[in-house]
Protein backbone atom coordinates (compact mmCIF):
# COMPACT_ATOMS: atom_id res chain seq x y z
CA UNK A 1 12.36 -43.52 15.95
CA UNK A 2 11.80 -39.60 16.52
CA UNK A 3 15.00 -38.72 14.87
CA UNK A 4 14.38 -40.16 11.30
CA UNK A 5 10.59 -38.63 12.16
CA UNK A 6 11.97 -35.21 12.91
CA UNK A 7 14.56 -35.46 9.22
CA UNK A 8 11.85 -35.99 7.74
CA UNK A 9 10.21 -33.54 8.48
CA UNK A 10 13.08 -30.39 8.01
CA UNK A 11 13.68 -32.44 4.22
CA UNK A 12 10.05 -31.69 3.74
CA UNK A 13 10.11 -28.00 5.67
CA UNK A 14 13.03 -27.41 3.13
CA UNK A 15 11.33 -28.50 0.35
CA UNK A 16 8.28 -26.45 0.75
CA UNK A 17 10.32 -23.54 1.31
CA UNK A 18 12.27 -23.39 -1.54
CA UNK A 19 9.30 -24.19 -3.10
CA UNK A 20 7.32 -21.30 -1.83
CA UNK A 21 10.57 -19.38 -3.11
CA UNK A 22 9.89 -20.32 -6.01
CA UNK A 23 6.73 -19.26 -6.25
CA UNK A 24 6.77 -16.28 -5.13
CA UNK A 25 9.52 -14.88 -7.50
CA UNK A 26 7.18 -16.09 -10.48
CA UNK A 27 4.46 -14.05 -8.48
CA UNK A 28 6.46 -10.96 -8.80
CA UNK A 29 8.32 -11.21 -12.08
CA UNK A 30 3.97 -11.99 -13.41
CA UNK A 31 3.29 -8.89 -11.39
CA UNK A 32 5.66 -7.17 -12.97
CA UNK A 33 4.49 -7.74 -16.52
CA UNK A 34 1.24 -6.65 -15.62
CA UNK A 35 2.44 -3.30 -14.54
CA UNK A 36 1.33 0.01 -16.55
CA UNK A 37 5.24 1.57 -16.62
CA UNK A 38 4.74 5.65 -17.60
CA UNK A 39 6.54 6.26 -20.66
CA UNK A 40 9.72 8.29 -20.70
CA UNK A 41 8.06 11.76 -21.39
CA UNK A 42 5.72 11.22 -18.48
CA UNK A 43 8.75 9.75 -16.71
CA UNK A 44 10.79 12.91 -17.40
CA UNK A 45 8.13 15.12 -16.91
CA UNK A 46 6.75 14.39 -13.36
CA UNK A 47 10.60 14.03 -12.34
CA UNK A 48 11.08 17.66 -13.11
CA UNK A 49 7.98 18.50 -11.37
CA UNK A 50 9.13 16.58 -8.21
CA UNK A 51 12.64 18.16 -8.52
CA UNK A 52 10.79 21.90 -8.64
CA UNK A 53 8.61 21.85 -6.57
CA UNK A 54 11.30 20.41 -3.74
CA UNK A 55 13.71 23.28 -4.69
CA UNK A 56 10.92 25.09 -3.88
CA UNK A 57 10.00 24.20 -0.49
CA UNK A 58 13.78 23.75 0.03
CA UNK A 59 14.30 27.63 -0.64
CA UNK A 60 10.88 28.93 1.35
CA UNK A 61 11.92 26.43 4.05
CA UNK A 62 15.70 28.01 4.03
CA UNK A 63 14.50 31.51 4.01
CA UNK A 64 11.70 30.97 7.23
CA UNK A 65 14.92 29.69 8.65
CA UNK A 66 17.28 32.74 7.73
CA UNK A 67 14.12 34.93 9.32
CA UNK A 68 13.71 33.33 12.48
CA UNK A 69 17.20 33.59 13.00
CA UNK A 70 17.40 36.62 12.41
CA UNK A 71 14.63 36.81 14.50
CA UNK A 72 15.78 35.80 17.74
CA UNK A 73 19.60 37.30 17.31
CA UNK A 74 17.39 40.68 17.91
CA UNK A 75 15.16 39.61 20.89
CA UNK A 76 18.72 38.04 22.11
CA UNK A 77 21.01 41.46 21.70
CA UNK A 78 17.79 43.19 23.56
């Protein structure tokens, strides 16, 4: 008798998980439809801005690294 209850519980649990996953998928799709997506122009402008800032930071950090390397080489020689 205990095994029948256990099997029934497993079937009910599997069914509940399946229902939950389909409900969750439906909720995700509904939420994505409500999102205000940026325009193509705005996306391009912001992407360009991110690339420019990233490049500027990279160049700055590269120059700082070269400066520290030269400074420590000078200290090491003395």
